[in-house]
């Protein structure tokens, strides 16, 4: 599975848990941090955790395991690091505050839906 396919699979896993405003950003040529960022949000702490669990479960079924994760317990802003794909799951209020998409405004948004 290439990194774009992985990013789309993450978006689909987040969508399965009703994540809001899912964005897949192509970071190649914009940042050395990763090839893709996935940014999404949940309306409540429990939904944020459900999105995270869904992403991890779906990727583990493919034999892909998170390298590092932060913020899981708080349920406000969690980051899952899959090396070339980084997943940001925000509580809705936190996402509005940080506006991560604007920070990476030079990145191209990828259509992840069929």
N, C-alpha and C. Protein backbone atom coordinates (compact mmCIF):
# COMPACT_ATOMS: atom_id res chain seq x y z
N UNK A 1 0.85 -1.18 0.00
CA UNK A 1 0.00 0.00 0.00
C UNK A 1 0.90 1.24 0.00
N UNK A 2 0.68 2.14 -0.96
CA UNK A 2 1.48 3.36 -0.99
C UNK A 2 0.91 4.38 0.01
N UNK A 3 1.62 5.47 0.19
CA UNK A 3 1.22 6.42 1.23
C UNK A 3 -0.11 7.11 0.92
N UNK A 4 -0.41 7.35 -0.34
CA UNK A 4 -1.70 7.97 -0.67
C UNK A 4 -2.84 7.00 -0.35
N UNK A 5 -2.68 5.74 -0.67
CA UNK A 5 -3.69 4.74 -0.33
C UNK A 5 -3.87 4.63 1.18
N UNK A 6 -2.77 4.69 1.89
CA UNK A 6 -2.81 4.65 3.35
C UNK A 6 -3.58 5.85 3.89
N UNK A 7 -3.29 7.02 3.36
CA UNK A 7 -3.98 8.24 3.80
C UNK A 7 -5.48 8.14 3.56
N UNK A 8 -5.87 7.62 2.40
CA UNK A 8 -7.29 7.46 2.09
C UNK A 8 -7.95 6.44 3.00
N UNK A 9 -7.23 5.38 3.33
CA UNK A 9 -7.76 4.35 4.24
C UNK A 9 -7.99 4.96 5.63
N UNK A 10 -7.09 5.81 6.06
CA UNK A 10 -7.26 6.51 7.35
C UNK A 10 -8.52 7.37 7.31
N UNK A 11 -8.70 8.13 6.23
CA UNK A 11 -9.88 8.99 6.10
C UNK A 11 -11.16 8.16 6.14
N UNK A 12 -11.17 7.02 5.47
CA UNK A 12 -12.33 6.15 5.47
C UNK A 12 -12.62 5.59 6.87
N UNK A 13 -11.57 5.23 7.60
CA UNK A 13 -11.74 4.72 8.96
C UNK A 13 -12.30 5.81 9.87
N UNK A 14 -11.84 7.03 9.69
CA UNK A 14 -12.37 8.15 10.47
C UNK A 14 -13.83 8.41 10.10
N UNK A 15 -14.13 8.33 8.82
CA UNK A 15 -15.50 8.55 8.35
C UNK A 15 -16.45 7.50 8.92
N UNK A 16 -15.96 6.27 9.10
CA UNK A 16 -16.79 5.21 9.68
C UNK A 16 -17.29 5.58 11.08
N UNK A 17 -16.55 6.43 11.77
CA UNK A 17 -16.95 6.88 13.12
C UNK A 17 -17.51 8.29 13.09
N UNK A 18 -17.97 8.70 11.90
CA UNK A 18 -18.65 10.00 11.72
C UNK A 18 -17.77 11.20 12.03
N UNK A 19 -16.46 11.07 11.73
CA UNK A 19 -15.56 12.22 11.89
C UNK A 19 -16.06 13.36 11.02
N UNK A 20 -15.85 14.56 11.48
CA UNK A 20 -16.32 15.74 10.77
C UNK A 20 -15.18 16.39 9.99
N UNK A 21 -15.54 16.98 8.86
CA UNK A 21 -14.63 17.80 8.06
C UNK A 21 -13.26 17.13 7.85
N UNK A 22 -13.29 15.95 7.27
CA UNK A 22 -12.06 15.18 7.04
C UNK A 22 -11.27 15.79 5.89
N UNK A 23 -10.02 16.10 6.14
CA UNK A 23 -9.13 16.66 5.12
C UNK A 23 -7.91 15.75 4.99
N UNK A 24 -7.56 15.43 3.76
CA UNK A 24 -6.32 14.72 3.46
C UNK A 24 -5.44 15.70 2.70
N UNK A 25 -4.32 16.06 3.29
CA UNK A 25 -3.42 17.04 2.69
C UNK A 25 -2.15 16.38 2.19
N UNK A 26 -1.82 16.64 0.94
CA UNK A 26 -0.58 16.15 0.34
C UNK A 26 0.54 17.09 0.76
N UNK A 27 1.40 16.61 1.62
CA UNK A 27 2.46 17.44 2.20
C UNK A 27 3.79 17.34 1.45
N UNK A 28 3.83 16.49 0.42
CA UNK A 28 5.07 16.33 -0.34
C UNK A 28 5.42 17.67 -1.00
N UNK A 29 6.64 18.09 -0.81
CA UNK A 29 7.08 19.37 -1.34
C UNK A 29 6.74 20.56 -0.46
N UNK A 30 5.97 20.32 0.61
CA UNK A 30 5.57 21.38 1.52
C UNK A 30 6.28 21.22 2.86
N UNK A 31 6.42 19.97 3.30
CA UNK A 31 7.01 19.68 4.60
C UNK A 31 7.80 18.38 4.53
N UNK A 32 8.84 18.30 5.32
CA UNK A 32 9.61 17.06 5.40
C UNK A 32 9.07 16.14 6.49
N UNK A 33 8.04 16.58 7.21
CA UNK A 33 7.49 15.80 8.32
C UNK A 33 6.80 14.52 7.87
N UNK A 34 6.07 14.60 6.75
CA UNK A 34 5.29 13.46 6.28
C UNK A 34 4.85 13.71 4.85
N UNK A 35 4.42 12.64 4.18
CA UNK A 35 3.86 12.77 2.83
C UNK A 35 2.42 13.27 2.89
N UNK A 36 1.68 12.81 3.91
CA UNK A 36 0.27 13.19 4.04
C UNK A 36 -0.09 13.49 5.47
N UNK A 37 -0.94 14.49 5.65
CA UNK A 37 -1.60 14.77 6.92
C UNK A 37 -3.07 14.49 6.73
N UNK A 38 -3.67 13.83 7.69
CA UNK A 38 -5.12 13.69 7.73
C UNK A 38 -5.57 14.47 8.94
N UNK A 39 -6.52 15.37 8.73
CA UNK A 39 -7.05 16.21 9.80
C UNK A 39 -8.56 16.00 9.84
N UNK A 40 -9.06 15.71 11.03
CA UNK A 40 -10.50 15.55 11.18
C UNK A 40 -10.88 15.92 12.61
N UNK A 41 -12.18 15.95 12.87
CA UNK A 41 -12.60 16.31 14.22
C UNK A 41 -13.82 15.52 14.64
N UNK A 42 -14.00 15.49 15.95
CA UNK A 42 -15.15 14.86 16.57
C UNK A 42 -15.85 15.86 17.46
N UNK A 43 -17.13 15.64 17.69
CA UNK A 43 -17.93 16.58 18.46
C UNK A 43 -17.75 16.41 19.98
N UNK A 44 -17.21 15.28 20.40
CA UNK A 44 -17.04 15.01 21.83
C UNK A 44 -15.77 14.20 22.04
N UNK A 45 -15.26 14.23 23.27
CA UNK A 45 -14.05 13.48 23.61
C UNK A 45 -14.19 12.00 23.26
N UNK A 46 -15.37 11.43 23.55
CA UNK A 46 -15.58 10.01 23.26
C UNK A 46 -15.54 9.73 21.76
N UNK A 47 -16.03 10.66 20.95
CA UNK A 47 -15.99 10.47 19.50
C UNK A 47 -14.55 10.57 19.01
N UNK A 48 -13.78 11.48 19.56
CA UNK A 48 -12.36 11.59 19.19
C UNK A 48 -11.66 10.26 19.46
N UNK A 49 -11.91 9.68 20.62
CA UNK A 49 -11.29 8.39 20.95
C UNK A 49 -11.78 7.28 20.01
N UNK A 50 -13.06 7.30 19.66
CA UNK A 50 -13.61 6.29 18.74
C UNK A 50 -12.96 6.40 17.36
N UNK A 51 -12.73 7.60 16.90
CA UNK A 51 -12.07 7.81 15.61
C UNK A 51 -10.65 7.24 15.66
N UNK A 52 -9.93 7.55 16.72
CA UNK A 52 -8.56 7.06 16.89
C UNK A 52 -8.54 5.53 16.88
N UNK A 53 -9.44 4.94 17.66
CA UNK A 53 -9.49 3.47 17.73
C UNK A 53 -9.82 2.86 16.37
N UNK A 54 -10.72 3.48 15.64
CA UNK A 54 -11.08 2.98 14.31
C UNK A 54 -9.88 3.00 13.37
N UNK A 55 -9.16 4.11 13.36
CA UNK A 55 -7.96 4.23 12.50
C UNK A 55 -6.95 3.15 12.87
N UNK A 56 -6.65 3.03 14.15
CA UNK A 56 -5.67 2.03 14.58
C UNK A 56 -6.11 0.61 14.22
N UNK A 57 -7.38 0.29 14.46
CA UNK A 57 -7.88 -1.05 14.18
C UNK A 57 -7.81 -1.39 12.70
N UNK A 58 -8.25 -0.47 11.85
CA UNK A 58 -8.26 -0.71 10.40
C UNK A 58 -6.84 -0.90 9.88
N UNK A 59 -5.91 -0.08 10.34
CA UNK A 59 -4.53 -0.20 9.85
C UNK A 59 -3.84 -1.44 10.42
N UNK A 60 -4.14 -1.80 11.66
CA UNK A 60 -3.55 -3.01 12.22
C UNK A 60 -3.99 -4.25 11.44
N UNK A 61 -5.23 -4.23 10.94
CA UNK A 61 -5.70 -5.34 10.09
C UNK A 61 -4.85 -5.47 8.83
N UNK A 62 -4.24 -4.38 8.40
CA UNK A 62 -3.36 -4.36 7.23
C UNK A 62 -1.90 -4.61 7.62
N UNK A 63 -1.66 -4.81 8.92
CA UNK A 63 -0.30 -5.03 9.40
C UNK A 63 0.50 -3.73 9.55
N UNK A 64 -0.21 -2.62 9.66
CA UNK A 64 0.43 -1.31 9.80
C UNK A 64 0.17 -0.81 11.21
N UNK A 65 1.24 -0.50 11.92
CA UNK A 65 1.12 -0.12 13.33
C UNK A 65 1.65 1.29 13.55
N UNK A 66 0.98 2.00 14.45
CA UNK A 66 1.35 3.37 14.77
C UNK A 66 2.76 3.39 15.35
N UNK A 67 3.55 4.35 14.92
CA UNK A 67 4.92 4.50 15.42
C UNK A 67 4.94 5.26 16.74
N UNK A 68 4.06 6.25 16.83
CA UNK A 68 3.99 7.08 18.02
C UNK A 68 2.60 7.69 18.08
N UNK A 69 2.11 7.91 19.30
CA UNK A 69 0.82 8.59 19.45
C UNK A 69 0.85 9.47 20.68
N UNK A 70 0.16 10.58 20.57
CA UNK A 70 0.13 11.56 21.66
C UNK A 70 -1.30 12.07 21.82
N UNK A 71 -1.64 12.43 23.05
CA UNK A 71 -2.91 13.09 23.33
C UNK A 71 -4.13 12.19 23.39
N UNK A 72 -3.93 10.89 23.38
CA UNK A 72 -5.05 9.95 23.32
C UNK A 72 -5.95 10.07 24.55
N UNK A 73 -5.39 10.15 25.72
CA UNK A 73 -6.17 10.14 26.96
C UNK A 73 -7.04 11.38 27.13
N UNK A 74 -6.55 12.52 26.68
CA UNK A 74 -7.29 13.76 26.89
C UNK A 74 -8.51 13.87 25.99
N UNK A 75 -8.44 13.33 24.78
CA UNK A 75 -9.56 13.38 23.87
C UNK A 75 -9.82 14.74 23.26
N UNK A 76 -8.81 15.63 23.29
CA UNK A 76 -8.98 16.98 22.75
C UNK A 76 -8.24 17.16 21.42
N UNK A 77 -7.03 16.61 21.35
CA UNK A 77 -6.26 16.64 20.11
C UNK A 77 -5.27 15.49 20.17
N UNK A 78 -5.47 14.53 19.33
CA UNK A 78 -4.59 13.36 19.31
C UNK A 78 -3.84 13.31 17.99
N UNK A 79 -2.62 12.80 18.06
CA UNK A 79 -1.79 12.64 16.87
C UNK A 79 -1.34 11.19 16.79
N UNK A 80 -1.57 10.59 15.62
CA UNK A 80 -1.09 9.24 15.34
C UNK A 80 -0.04 9.37 14.25
N UNK A 81 1.15 8.87 14.54
CA UNK A 81 2.27 8.99 13.61
C UNK A 81 2.53 7.64 12.94
N UNK A 82 2.27 7.59 11.65
CA UNK A 82 2.54 6.40 10.85
C UNK A 82 3.71 6.68 9.90
N UNK A 83 4.68 7.45 10.35
CA UNK A 83 5.88 7.84 9.60
C UNK A 83 5.52 8.77 8.45
N UNK A 84 5.13 8.26 7.31
CA UNK A 84 4.83 9.10 6.14
C UNK A 84 3.41 9.64 6.14
N UNK A 85 2.60 9.18 7.06
CA UNK A 85 1.22 9.65 7.20
C UNK A 85 1.00 10.00 8.67
N UNK A 86 0.57 11.24 8.90
CA UNK A 86 0.32 11.70 10.27
C UNK A 86 -1.15 12.08 10.38
N UNK A 87 -1.80 11.55 11.41
CA UNK A 87 -3.23 11.73 11.61
C UNK A 87 -3.45 12.66 12.80
N UNK A 88 -4.21 13.72 12.56
CA UNK A 88 -4.58 14.67 13.61
C UNK A 88 -6.08 14.55 13.83
N UNK A 89 -6.48 14.17 15.04
CA UNK A 89 -7.90 14.07 15.37
C UNK A 89 -8.17 15.08 16.49
N UNK A 90 -8.96 16.06 16.17
CA UNK A 90 -9.26 17.15 17.10
C UNK A 90 -10.67 17.03 17.67
N UNK A 91 -10.83 17.54 18.88
CA UNK A 91 -12.15 17.90 19.35
C UNK A 91 -12.53 19.13 18.54
N UNK A 92 -13.78 19.26 18.17
CA UNK A 92 -14.22 20.34 17.28
C UNK A 92 -13.73 21.73 17.73
N UNK A 93 -13.83 22.02 19.03
CA UNK A 93 -13.42 23.33 19.54
C UNK A 93 -11.92 23.55 19.40
N UNK A 94 -11.13 22.51 19.63
CA UNK A 94 -9.69 22.63 19.51
C UNK A 94 -9.28 22.87 18.05
N UNK A 95 -9.97 22.21 17.14
CA UNK A 95 -9.65 22.37 15.72
C UNK A 95 -9.89 23.81 15.28
N UNK A 96 -10.99 24.39 15.71
CA UNK A 96 -11.28 25.78 15.37
C UNK A 96 -10.21 26.71 15.92
N UNK A 97 -9.71 26.40 17.10
CA UNK A 97 -8.68 27.23 17.74
C UNK A 97 -7.34 27.16 16.99
N UNK A 98 -6.89 25.96 16.68
CA UNK A 98 -5.55 25.80 16.09
C UNK A 98 -5.51 26.00 14.57
N UNK A 99 -6.59 25.76 13.88
CA UNK A 99 -6.68 25.97 12.44
C UNK A 99 -5.46 25.43 11.69
N UNK A 100 -5.18 24.16 11.92
CA UNK A 100 -4.00 23.52 11.35
C UNK A 100 -3.99 23.56 9.81
N UNK A 101 -5.17 23.49 9.20
CA UNK A 101 -5.24 23.55 7.74
C UNK A 101 -4.67 24.86 7.20
N UNK A 102 -4.90 25.95 7.92
CA UNK A 102 -4.39 27.25 7.47
C UNK A 102 -2.87 27.31 7.61
N UNK A 103 -2.34 26.68 8.66
CA UNK A 103 -0.90 26.63 8.85
C UNK A 103 -0.22 25.96 7.66
N UNK A 104 -0.87 24.92 7.12
CA UNK A 104 -0.34 24.18 5.99
C UNK A 104 -1.12 24.51 4.72
N UNK A 105 -1.44 25.77 4.53
CA UNK A 105 -2.25 26.23 3.41
C UNK A 105 -1.66 25.96 2.04
N UNK A 106 -0.35 25.73 1.95
CA UNK A 106 0.28 25.44 0.65
C UNK A 106 0.08 24.00 0.21
N UNK A 107 -0.39 23.16 1.10
CA UNK A 107 -0.60 21.74 0.77
C UNK A 107 -1.84 21.58 -0.11
N UNK A 108 -1.78 20.60 -0.98
CA UNK A 108 -2.91 20.28 -1.85
C UNK A 108 -3.84 19.32 -1.14
N UNK A 109 -5.13 19.60 -1.19
CA UNK A 109 -6.10 18.69 -0.60
C UNK A 109 -6.39 17.55 -1.58
N UNK A 110 -6.40 16.34 -1.05
CA UNK A 110 -6.62 15.13 -1.85
C UNK A 110 -8.07 14.68 -1.66
N UNK A 111 -8.73 14.34 -2.76
CA UNK A 111 -10.08 13.78 -2.67
C UNK A 111 -9.95 12.32 -2.24
N UNK A 112 -10.45 11.99 -1.07
CA UNK A 112 -10.31 10.63 -0.54
C UNK A 112 -11.56 9.79 -0.75
N UNK A 113 -12.63 10.43 -1.20
CA UNK A 113 -13.90 9.71 -1.40
C UNK A 113 -13.99 9.22 -2.84
N UNK A 114 -14.56 8.03 -2.99
CA UNK A 114 -14.73 7.47 -4.35
C UNK A 114 -15.88 8.10 -5.08
